[in-house]
N, C-alpha and C. Protein backbone atom coordinates (compact mmCIF):
# COMPACT_ATOMS: atom_id res chain seq x y z
N UNK A 1 19.32 14.02 -71.64
CA UNK A 1 18.20 13.30 -71.06
C UNK A 1 18.56 12.78 -69.70
N UNK A 2 19.76 12.35 -69.52
CA UNK A 2 20.17 11.75 -68.24
C UNK A 2 20.31 12.86 -67.21
N UNK A 3 20.69 14.03 -67.57
CA UNK A 3 20.88 15.12 -66.67
C UNK A 3 19.59 15.49 -65.89
N UNK A 4 18.43 15.67 -66.57
CA UNK A 4 17.24 16.01 -65.86
C UNK A 4 16.81 14.81 -64.95
N UNK A 5 17.01 13.58 -65.34
CA UNK A 5 16.60 12.44 -64.51
C UNK A 5 17.43 12.37 -63.22
N UNK A 6 18.71 12.64 -63.34
CA UNK A 6 19.57 12.69 -62.12
C UNK A 6 19.17 13.87 -61.25
N UNK A 7 18.88 14.99 -61.80
CA UNK A 7 18.45 16.17 -61.06
C UNK A 7 17.14 15.86 -60.33
N UNK A 8 16.23 15.24 -60.98
CA UNK A 8 14.91 14.90 -60.42
C UNK A 8 15.08 13.90 -59.25
N UNK A 9 15.95 12.87 -59.39
CA UNK A 9 16.21 11.94 -58.34
C UNK A 9 16.88 12.61 -57.14
N UNK A 10 17.78 13.52 -57.41
CA UNK A 10 18.45 14.26 -56.35
C UNK A 10 17.42 15.09 -55.57
N UNK A 11 16.52 15.78 -56.23
CA UNK A 11 15.50 16.60 -55.59
C UNK A 11 14.54 15.74 -54.78
N UNK A 12 14.20 14.53 -55.26
CA UNK A 12 13.28 13.66 -54.52
C UNK A 12 13.96 13.20 -53.22
N UNK A 13 15.24 12.83 -53.30
CA UNK A 13 15.96 12.38 -52.13
C UNK A 13 16.09 13.49 -51.13
N UNK A 14 16.34 14.71 -51.57
CA UNK A 14 16.50 15.83 -50.66
C UNK A 14 15.15 16.25 -50.03
N UNK A 15 14.03 15.80 -50.65
CA UNK A 15 12.74 16.18 -50.07
C UNK A 15 12.30 15.28 -48.91
N UNK A 16 13.01 14.19 -48.65
CA UNK A 16 12.62 13.32 -47.54
C UNK A 16 12.99 14.03 -46.20
N UNK A 17 12.23 13.76 -45.16
CA UNK A 17 12.49 14.45 -43.86
C UNK A 17 13.89 14.13 -43.33
N UNK A 18 14.32 12.89 -43.49
CA UNK A 18 15.67 12.56 -42.97
C UNK A 18 16.78 13.39 -43.66
N UNK A 19 16.62 13.54 -44.96
CA UNK A 19 17.64 14.29 -45.71
C UNK A 19 17.54 15.76 -45.33
N UNK A 20 16.37 16.29 -45.13
CA UNK A 20 16.25 17.69 -44.73
C UNK A 20 16.84 17.92 -43.35
N UNK A 21 16.63 16.97 -42.45
CA UNK A 21 17.19 17.16 -41.10
C UNK A 21 18.71 17.02 -41.13
N UNK A 22 19.21 16.09 -41.91
CA UNK A 22 20.64 15.93 -42.00
C UNK A 22 21.28 17.17 -42.65
N UNK A 23 20.62 17.76 -43.62
CA UNK A 23 21.18 18.92 -44.28
C UNK A 23 21.15 20.16 -43.40
N UNK A 24 20.21 20.27 -42.47
CA UNK A 24 20.13 21.48 -41.68
C UNK A 24 20.75 21.32 -40.31
N UNK A 25 20.99 20.09 -39.82
CA UNK A 25 21.59 19.90 -38.52
C UNK A 25 23.08 20.18 -38.53
N UNK A 26 23.60 20.86 -37.53
CA UNK A 26 25.06 21.08 -37.48
C UNK A 26 25.77 19.76 -37.25
N UNK A 27 26.98 19.68 -37.73
CA UNK A 27 27.73 18.43 -37.65
C UNK A 27 28.13 18.06 -36.22
N UNK A 28 28.28 19.07 -35.35
CA UNK A 28 28.70 18.82 -33.98
C UNK A 28 27.55 18.87 -32.95
N UNK A 29 26.32 18.65 -33.42
CA UNK A 29 25.14 18.67 -32.50
C UNK A 29 25.20 17.48 -31.58
N UNK A 30 24.86 17.75 -30.30
CA UNK A 30 24.86 16.70 -29.31
C UNK A 30 23.63 15.82 -29.46
N UNK A 31 23.74 14.54 -29.14
CA UNK A 31 22.56 13.69 -29.19
C UNK A 31 21.54 14.13 -28.15
N UNK A 32 20.29 13.77 -28.34
CA UNK A 32 19.28 14.19 -27.37
C UNK A 32 19.61 13.64 -25.95
N UNK A 33 19.28 14.42 -24.95
CA UNK A 33 19.57 14.04 -23.58
C UNK A 33 18.76 12.81 -23.18
N UNK A 34 19.38 11.90 -22.44
CA UNK A 34 18.62 10.74 -21.97
C UNK A 34 17.85 11.19 -20.70
N UNK A 35 16.61 10.66 -20.57
CA UNK A 35 15.85 11.09 -19.38
C UNK A 35 16.41 10.51 -18.12
N UNK A 36 16.15 11.18 -16.98
CA UNK A 36 16.67 10.73 -15.73
C UNK A 36 16.09 9.44 -15.29
N UNK A 37 16.87 8.59 -14.60
CA UNK A 37 16.38 7.30 -14.05
C UNK A 37 16.06 7.47 -12.56
N UNK A 38 16.71 8.40 -11.87
CA UNK A 38 16.50 8.60 -10.45
C UNK A 38 16.39 10.07 -10.14
N UNK A 39 15.67 10.38 -9.09
CA UNK A 39 15.57 11.75 -8.58
C UNK A 39 15.81 11.70 -7.05
N UNK A 40 16.63 12.61 -6.56
CA UNK A 40 16.88 12.78 -5.13
C UNK A 40 15.96 13.89 -4.65
N UNK A 41 15.11 13.60 -3.67
CA UNK A 41 14.13 14.54 -3.17
C UNK A 41 14.44 14.91 -1.70
N UNK A 42 14.30 16.18 -1.39
CA UNK A 42 14.50 16.66 -0.01
C UNK A 42 13.33 17.53 0.32
N UNK A 43 12.71 17.32 1.53
CA UNK A 43 11.52 18.12 1.84
C UNK A 43 11.06 17.99 3.27
N UNK A 44 9.85 18.40 3.50
CA UNK A 44 9.27 18.36 4.82
C UNK A 44 7.85 17.86 4.76
N UNK A 45 7.29 17.57 5.93
CA UNK A 45 5.95 17.06 6.05
C UNK A 45 5.28 17.60 7.31
N UNK A 46 3.98 17.60 7.30
CA UNK A 46 3.18 17.96 8.47
C UNK A 46 2.04 16.95 8.53
N UNK A 47 1.63 16.66 9.76
CA UNK A 47 0.55 15.69 9.91
C UNK A 47 0.22 15.38 11.36
N UNK A 48 -0.35 14.19 11.49
CA UNK A 48 -0.70 13.73 12.84
C UNK A 48 -0.37 12.23 12.93
N UNK A 49 0.10 11.69 13.99
CA UNK A 49 0.38 12.28 15.25
C UNK A 49 1.72 13.04 15.32
N UNK A 50 2.50 12.93 14.28
CA UNK A 50 3.78 13.60 14.20
C UNK A 50 3.60 14.91 13.49
N UNK A 51 3.66 16.03 14.24
CA UNK A 51 3.29 17.34 13.69
C UNK A 51 4.12 17.79 12.51
N UNK A 52 5.43 17.65 12.65
CA UNK A 52 6.33 18.05 11.54
C UNK A 52 7.37 17.00 11.33
N UNK A 53 8.02 17.07 10.13
CA UNK A 53 9.03 16.12 9.81
C UNK A 53 9.96 16.57 8.68
N UNK A 54 11.13 16.07 8.64
CA UNK A 54 12.06 16.32 7.54
C UNK A 54 12.25 14.96 6.82
N UNK A 55 12.35 15.02 5.50
CA UNK A 55 12.43 13.79 4.71
C UNK A 55 13.43 13.91 3.59
N UNK A 56 13.99 12.77 3.21
CA UNK A 56 14.83 12.66 2.03
C UNK A 56 14.45 11.39 1.34
N UNK A 57 14.37 11.39 0.00
CA UNK A 57 13.96 10.21 -0.73
C UNK A 57 14.66 10.07 -2.04
N UNK A 58 14.71 8.81 -2.55
CA UNK A 58 15.26 8.49 -3.82
C UNK A 58 14.15 7.85 -4.64
N UNK A 59 13.78 8.50 -5.73
CA UNK A 59 12.70 8.09 -6.59
C UNK A 59 13.27 7.40 -7.83
N UNK A 60 12.82 6.19 -8.11
CA UNK A 60 13.25 5.47 -9.30
C UNK A 60 12.18 5.67 -10.42
N UNK A 61 12.65 6.05 -11.59
CA UNK A 61 11.78 6.34 -12.70
C UNK A 61 12.01 5.36 -13.87
N UNK A 62 10.97 4.98 -14.56
CA UNK A 62 11.05 4.22 -15.81
C UNK A 62 10.19 4.89 -16.82
N UNK A 63 10.78 5.37 -17.90
CA UNK A 63 10.09 6.12 -18.95
C UNK A 63 9.38 7.31 -18.34
N UNK A 64 10.07 8.01 -17.42
CA UNK A 64 9.58 9.21 -16.75
C UNK A 64 8.32 8.95 -15.87
N UNK A 65 8.14 7.73 -15.48
CA UNK A 65 7.00 7.36 -14.61
C UNK A 65 7.59 6.75 -13.31
N UNK A 66 7.00 7.11 -12.13
CA UNK A 66 7.53 6.59 -10.86
C UNK A 66 7.29 5.10 -10.76
N UNK A 67 8.32 4.40 -10.20
CA UNK A 67 8.22 2.95 -9.96
C UNK A 67 8.40 2.65 -8.44
N UNK A 68 9.60 2.98 -7.91
CA UNK A 68 9.90 2.76 -6.52
C UNK A 68 10.35 4.05 -5.88
N UNK A 69 10.16 4.18 -4.59
CA UNK A 69 10.68 5.30 -3.85
C UNK A 69 11.13 4.78 -2.47
N UNK A 70 12.36 5.16 -2.12
CA UNK A 70 12.91 4.82 -0.83
C UNK A 70 13.08 6.14 -0.06
N UNK A 71 12.67 6.16 1.20
CA UNK A 71 12.75 7.41 1.91
C UNK A 71 13.09 7.25 3.40
N UNK A 72 13.72 8.29 3.91
CA UNK A 72 14.09 8.40 5.36
C UNK A 72 13.38 9.67 5.86
N UNK A 73 12.91 9.54 7.09
CA UNK A 73 12.20 10.72 7.70
C UNK A 73 12.59 10.82 9.16
N UNK A 74 12.66 12.05 9.67
CA UNK A 74 12.84 12.39 11.06
C UNK A 74 11.71 13.26 11.43
N UNK A 75 10.93 12.82 12.42
CA UNK A 75 9.77 13.58 12.92
C UNK A 75 10.04 13.93 14.39
N UNK A 76 10.67 15.08 14.65
CA UNK A 76 10.99 15.45 16.00
C UNK A 76 9.77 15.81 16.83
N UNK A 77 9.82 15.54 18.11
CA UNK A 77 8.72 15.88 18.98
C UNK A 77 9.15 15.78 20.43
N UNK A 78 8.45 16.50 21.29
CA UNK A 78 8.69 16.37 22.74
C UNK A 78 8.11 15.09 23.26
N UNK A 79 7.27 14.45 22.44
CA UNK A 79 6.65 13.20 22.83
C UNK A 79 6.43 12.40 21.51
N UNK A 80 6.85 11.13 21.54
CA UNK A 80 6.71 10.24 20.36
C UNK A 80 7.51 10.73 19.15
N UNK A 81 8.78 10.94 19.39
CA UNK A 81 9.72 11.28 18.31
C UNK A 81 9.91 10.02 17.44
N UNK A 82 10.05 10.23 16.13
CA UNK A 82 10.17 9.09 15.20
C UNK A 82 11.28 9.30 14.19
N UNK A 83 12.03 8.21 13.95
CA UNK A 83 12.97 8.05 12.89
C UNK A 83 12.42 6.92 12.05
N UNK A 84 12.25 7.12 10.72
CA UNK A 84 11.66 6.04 9.94
C UNK A 84 12.30 5.88 8.56
N UNK A 85 12.13 4.66 8.07
CA UNK A 85 12.58 4.31 6.72
C UNK A 85 11.41 3.64 6.03
N UNK A 86 11.18 4.02 4.77
CA UNK A 86 10.03 3.44 4.07
C UNK A 86 10.37 3.13 2.63
N UNK A 87 9.61 2.18 2.10
CA UNK A 87 9.71 1.82 0.67
C UNK A 87 8.30 1.92 0.09
N UNK A 88 8.21 2.68 -0.98
CA UNK A 88 6.90 2.87 -1.68
C UNK A 88 6.96 2.31 -3.05
N UNK A 89 5.87 1.73 -3.52
CA UNK A 89 5.77 1.17 -4.86
C UNK A 89 4.60 1.84 -5.55
N UNK A 90 4.79 2.29 -6.78
CA UNK A 90 3.76 2.92 -7.60
C UNK A 90 3.29 1.83 -8.59
N UNK A 91 2.23 1.06 -8.23
CA UNK A 91 1.88 -0.09 -9.06
C UNK A 91 1.38 0.25 -10.46
N UNK A 92 0.85 1.41 -10.66
CA UNK A 92 0.32 1.80 -11.99
C UNK A 92 1.19 2.84 -12.66
N UNK A 93 2.33 3.16 -12.09
CA UNK A 93 3.21 4.17 -12.68
C UNK A 93 2.66 5.55 -12.68
N UNK A 94 1.73 5.84 -11.74
CA UNK A 94 1.16 7.18 -11.63
C UNK A 94 1.32 7.66 -10.22
N UNK A 95 0.43 8.52 -9.76
CA UNK A 95 0.62 9.18 -8.43
C UNK A 95 0.25 8.25 -7.26
N UNK A 96 -0.53 7.19 -7.46
CA UNK A 96 -0.92 6.29 -6.38
C UNK A 96 0.27 5.47 -5.95
N UNK A 97 0.44 5.30 -4.60
CA UNK A 97 1.51 4.45 -4.05
C UNK A 97 0.99 3.66 -2.89
N UNK A 98 1.63 2.50 -2.66
CA UNK A 98 1.47 1.69 -1.46
C UNK A 98 2.85 1.56 -0.87
N UNK A 99 2.93 1.62 0.50
CA UNK A 99 4.24 1.62 1.11
C UNK A 99 4.25 0.82 2.43
N UNK A 100 5.46 0.53 2.86
CA UNK A 100 5.68 -0.04 4.16
C UNK A 100 6.74 0.82 4.84
N UNK A 101 6.50 1.15 6.12
CA UNK A 101 7.40 2.03 6.84
C UNK A 101 7.77 1.33 8.17
N UNK A 102 9.03 1.39 8.53
CA UNK A 102 9.55 0.87 9.79
C UNK A 102 10.03 2.10 10.59
N UNK A 103 9.63 2.14 11.86
CA UNK A 103 9.94 3.29 12.68
C UNK A 103 10.69 2.92 13.95
N UNK A 104 11.61 3.82 14.32
CA UNK A 104 12.24 3.72 15.63
C UNK A 104 11.68 4.91 16.42
N UNK A 105 10.91 4.61 17.48
CA UNK A 105 10.20 5.63 18.21
C UNK A 105 10.91 5.88 19.55
N UNK A 106 10.94 7.14 19.96
CA UNK A 106 11.33 7.48 21.30
C UNK A 106 10.16 8.16 21.96
N UNK A 107 9.63 7.47 22.98
CA UNK A 107 8.48 8.04 23.66
C UNK A 107 8.78 9.35 24.38
N UNK A 108 10.03 9.51 24.77
CA UNK A 108 10.57 10.82 25.26
C UNK A 108 11.92 10.92 24.63
N UNK A 109 12.20 12.01 23.94
CA UNK A 109 13.56 12.17 23.36
C UNK A 109 14.59 12.31 24.52
N UNK A 110 15.82 11.97 24.27
CA UNK A 110 16.86 11.97 25.32
C UNK A 110 17.02 13.30 26.05
N UNK A 111 16.68 14.41 25.41
CA UNK A 111 16.84 15.69 26.06
C UNK A 111 15.65 16.11 26.94
N UNK A 112 14.58 15.31 26.94
CA UNK A 112 13.40 15.71 27.70
C UNK A 112 13.43 15.15 29.12
N UNK A 113 12.67 15.75 30.02
CA UNK A 113 12.53 15.35 31.39
C UNK A 113 11.75 14.00 31.41
N UNK A 114 12.19 13.09 32.21
CA UNK A 114 11.52 11.85 32.36
C UNK A 114 11.98 10.76 31.40
N UNK A 115 13.07 10.97 30.68
CA UNK A 115 13.57 9.98 29.72
C UNK A 115 14.10 8.76 30.45
N UNK A 116 13.63 7.56 30.04
CA UNK A 116 14.05 6.31 30.62
C UNK A 116 14.53 5.43 29.46
N UNK A 117 15.80 5.17 29.30
CA UNK A 117 16.27 4.43 28.14
C UNK A 117 15.76 3.02 28.02
N UNK A 118 15.38 2.40 29.14
CA UNK A 118 14.87 1.05 29.07
C UNK A 118 13.43 1.00 28.64
N UNK A 119 12.70 2.10 28.77
CA UNK A 119 11.25 2.11 28.53
C UNK A 119 10.88 2.95 27.31
N UNK A 120 11.66 3.96 26.96
CA UNK A 120 11.27 4.94 25.94
C UNK A 120 11.71 4.64 24.52
N UNK A 121 12.33 3.52 24.25
CA UNK A 121 12.71 3.15 22.90
C UNK A 121 11.80 2.04 22.44
N UNK A 122 11.12 2.26 21.26
CA UNK A 122 10.22 1.28 20.70
C UNK A 122 10.38 1.16 19.22
N UNK A 123 10.05 0.02 18.67
CA UNK A 123 10.05 -0.14 17.20
C UNK A 123 8.59 -0.34 16.75
N UNK A 124 8.34 0.17 15.54
CA UNK A 124 6.98 0.07 15.01
C UNK A 124 7.06 -0.16 13.49
N UNK A 125 6.04 -0.71 12.95
CA UNK A 125 5.96 -0.94 11.50
C UNK A 125 4.50 -0.91 11.03
N UNK A 126 4.30 -0.53 9.79
CA UNK A 126 2.98 -0.49 9.26
C UNK A 126 2.91 0.02 7.84
N UNK A 127 1.71 -0.16 7.21
CA UNK A 127 1.52 0.19 5.81
C UNK A 127 1.08 1.66 5.65
N UNK A 128 1.26 2.18 4.44
CA UNK A 128 0.79 3.51 4.07
C UNK A 128 0.16 3.40 2.67
N UNK A 129 -0.78 4.27 2.41
CA UNK A 129 -1.42 4.34 1.13
C UNK A 129 -1.62 5.85 0.79
N UNK A 130 -1.29 6.26 -0.40
CA UNK A 130 -1.50 7.70 -0.71
C UNK A 130 -1.17 8.04 -2.13
N UNK A 131 -0.98 9.33 -2.31
CA UNK A 131 -0.62 9.90 -3.64
C UNK A 131 0.56 10.79 -3.49
N UNK A 132 1.41 10.72 -4.54
CA UNK A 132 2.60 11.59 -4.64
C UNK A 132 2.72 11.98 -6.10
N UNK A 133 2.82 13.28 -6.40
CA UNK A 133 2.94 13.71 -7.74
C UNK A 133 3.62 15.05 -7.87
N UNK A 134 4.03 15.34 -9.12
CA UNK A 134 4.73 16.61 -9.41
C UNK A 134 3.74 17.76 -9.39
N UNK A 135 4.21 18.90 -8.90
CA UNK A 135 3.36 20.08 -8.77
C UNK A 135 3.91 21.15 -9.70
N UNK A 136 3.11 21.69 -10.59
CA UNK A 136 3.57 22.75 -11.49
C UNK A 136 4.34 22.24 -12.68
N UNK A 137 4.83 23.17 -13.50
CA UNK A 137 5.60 22.74 -14.68
C UNK A 137 6.98 22.18 -14.30
N UNK A 138 7.43 21.29 -15.08
CA UNK A 138 8.75 20.69 -14.84
C UNK A 138 8.67 19.70 -13.68
N UNK A 139 9.77 19.22 -13.28
CA UNK A 139 9.83 18.24 -12.17
C UNK A 139 10.68 18.82 -11.05
N UNK A 140 10.21 19.83 -10.41
CA UNK A 140 10.96 20.44 -9.33
C UNK A 140 10.32 20.22 -7.96
N UNK A 141 9.00 20.35 -7.84
CA UNK A 141 8.27 20.20 -6.61
C UNK A 141 7.38 18.93 -6.67
N UNK A 142 7.41 18.18 -5.60
CA UNK A 142 6.62 16.96 -5.52
C UNK A 142 5.80 16.95 -4.22
N UNK A 143 4.51 16.91 -4.36
CA UNK A 143 3.62 16.89 -3.22
C UNK A 143 3.16 15.49 -2.88
N UNK A 144 2.78 15.28 -1.62
CA UNK A 144 2.32 13.96 -1.22
C UNK A 144 1.23 14.09 -0.14
N UNK A 145 0.41 13.12 -0.12
CA UNK A 145 -0.65 12.92 0.88
C UNK A 145 -0.73 11.45 1.22
N UNK A 146 -0.55 11.12 2.49
CA UNK A 146 -0.49 9.67 2.86
C UNK A 146 -1.32 9.41 4.07
N UNK A 147 -1.98 8.24 4.05
CA UNK A 147 -2.73 7.71 5.20
C UNK A 147 -2.09 6.41 5.56
N UNK A 148 -1.84 6.24 6.84
CA UNK A 148 -1.15 4.99 7.26
C UNK A 148 -1.50 4.60 8.65
N UNK A 149 -0.94 3.52 9.04
CA UNK A 149 -1.06 3.04 10.43
C UNK A 149 0.22 2.34 10.81
N UNK A 150 0.50 2.28 12.09
CA UNK A 150 1.63 1.47 12.55
C UNK A 150 1.36 0.81 13.88
N UNK A 151 1.93 -0.32 14.08
CA UNK A 151 1.78 -1.09 15.26
C UNK A 151 3.09 -1.04 16.01
N UNK A 152 3.08 -0.70 17.26
CA UNK A 152 4.30 -0.60 18.11
C UNK A 152 4.51 -1.97 18.72
N UNK A 153 5.55 -2.60 18.27
CA UNK A 153 5.87 -3.97 18.69
C UNK A 153 6.64 -3.89 20.03
N UNK A 154 5.93 -3.76 21.12
CA UNK A 154 6.53 -3.55 22.43
C UNK A 154 6.23 -4.72 23.32
N UNK A 155 7.26 -5.12 24.08
CA UNK A 155 7.06 -6.17 25.06
C UNK A 155 6.81 -5.64 26.47
N UNK A 156 7.09 -4.32 26.65
CA UNK A 156 6.99 -3.81 28.00
C UNK A 156 5.82 -2.84 28.21
N UNK A 157 4.96 -2.68 27.28
CA UNK A 157 3.81 -1.82 27.44
C UNK A 157 2.76 -2.17 26.40
N UNK A 158 1.53 -1.86 26.69
CA UNK A 158 0.42 -2.10 25.79
C UNK A 158 0.03 -0.78 25.08
N UNK A 159 0.50 -0.63 23.82
CA UNK A 159 0.20 0.57 23.08
C UNK A 159 -0.76 0.22 21.91
N UNK A 160 -1.58 1.22 21.57
CA UNK A 160 -2.60 0.98 20.51
C UNK A 160 -2.03 1.07 19.13
N UNK A 161 -2.87 0.70 18.20
CA UNK A 161 -2.53 0.92 16.75
C UNK A 161 -2.60 2.41 16.52
N UNK A 162 -1.62 2.98 15.89
CA UNK A 162 -1.56 4.41 15.65
C UNK A 162 -1.87 4.73 14.20
N UNK A 163 -2.82 5.66 13.97
CA UNK A 163 -3.17 6.11 12.63
C UNK A 163 -2.36 7.33 12.30
N UNK A 164 -1.91 7.46 11.06
CA UNK A 164 -1.15 8.64 10.63
C UNK A 164 -1.78 9.26 9.40
N UNK A 165 -1.65 10.54 9.28
CA UNK A 165 -2.05 11.34 8.15
C UNK A 165 -1.00 12.35 7.91
N UNK A 166 -0.36 12.39 6.74
CA UNK A 166 0.72 13.28 6.42
C UNK A 166 0.53 13.96 5.10
N UNK A 167 0.94 15.24 5.06
CA UNK A 167 1.00 15.96 3.80
C UNK A 167 2.40 16.47 3.73
N UNK A 168 3.04 16.38 2.52
CA UNK A 168 4.42 16.74 2.38
C UNK A 168 4.70 17.47 1.10
N UNK A 169 5.83 18.15 1.09
CA UNK A 169 6.30 18.87 -0.11
C UNK A 169 7.78 18.67 -0.17
N UNK A 170 8.26 18.20 -1.33
CA UNK A 170 9.69 17.96 -1.53
C UNK A 170 10.20 18.62 -2.74
N UNK A 171 11.48 18.97 -2.72
CA UNK A 171 12.14 19.62 -3.83
C UNK A 171 13.07 18.61 -4.46
N UNK A 172 13.06 18.51 -5.80
CA UNK A 172 13.95 17.62 -6.51
C UNK A 172 15.34 18.27 -6.47
N UNK A 173 16.25 17.73 -5.68
CA UNK A 173 17.57 18.29 -5.55
C UNK A 173 18.52 17.87 -6.64
N UNK A 174 18.28 16.63 -7.26
CA UNK A 174 19.20 16.11 -8.19
C UNK A 174 18.51 15.07 -9.07
N UNK A 175 18.70 15.14 -10.36
CA UNK A 175 18.25 14.08 -11.28
C UNK A 175 19.47 13.42 -11.83
N UNK A 176 19.46 12.08 -11.86
CA UNK A 176 20.62 11.36 -12.50
C UNK A 176 20.17 10.05 -13.04
């Protein structure tokens, strides 16, 4: 009588999902991979008034959702060349972002005719608003569209408020 009761209890325990998984999983199986917390992005952008640019960024993720993004950009030009650093925040953890960007502008790059070091170096700052999201399957390509403005804080000339519109594409070079 005790034999069938023990057999029945053994079969019931083996029928639970945990027992079935433990019985079929190899002993040396690796634990599941932890999701990435940061992504290093490298890419380019096109827009106005800076026609082209190169960018690199570090994206902070929480539960695979974007939180913060820090980026550097170089927008070469024969006129109004820009080096910039920006910080973007994704308030809802989705594609929408708000950002602040600080720029070092050269009204004429040093290699151009008419360069005046006392006059052609300016600093600017201003906000950006836009969207950035993954394109296609996986997390390899990230597209962006941003509208912004910046004010050139100059003491030696009267420059207007500058509006910017940029579209970019970046490749995820490294997840860690």
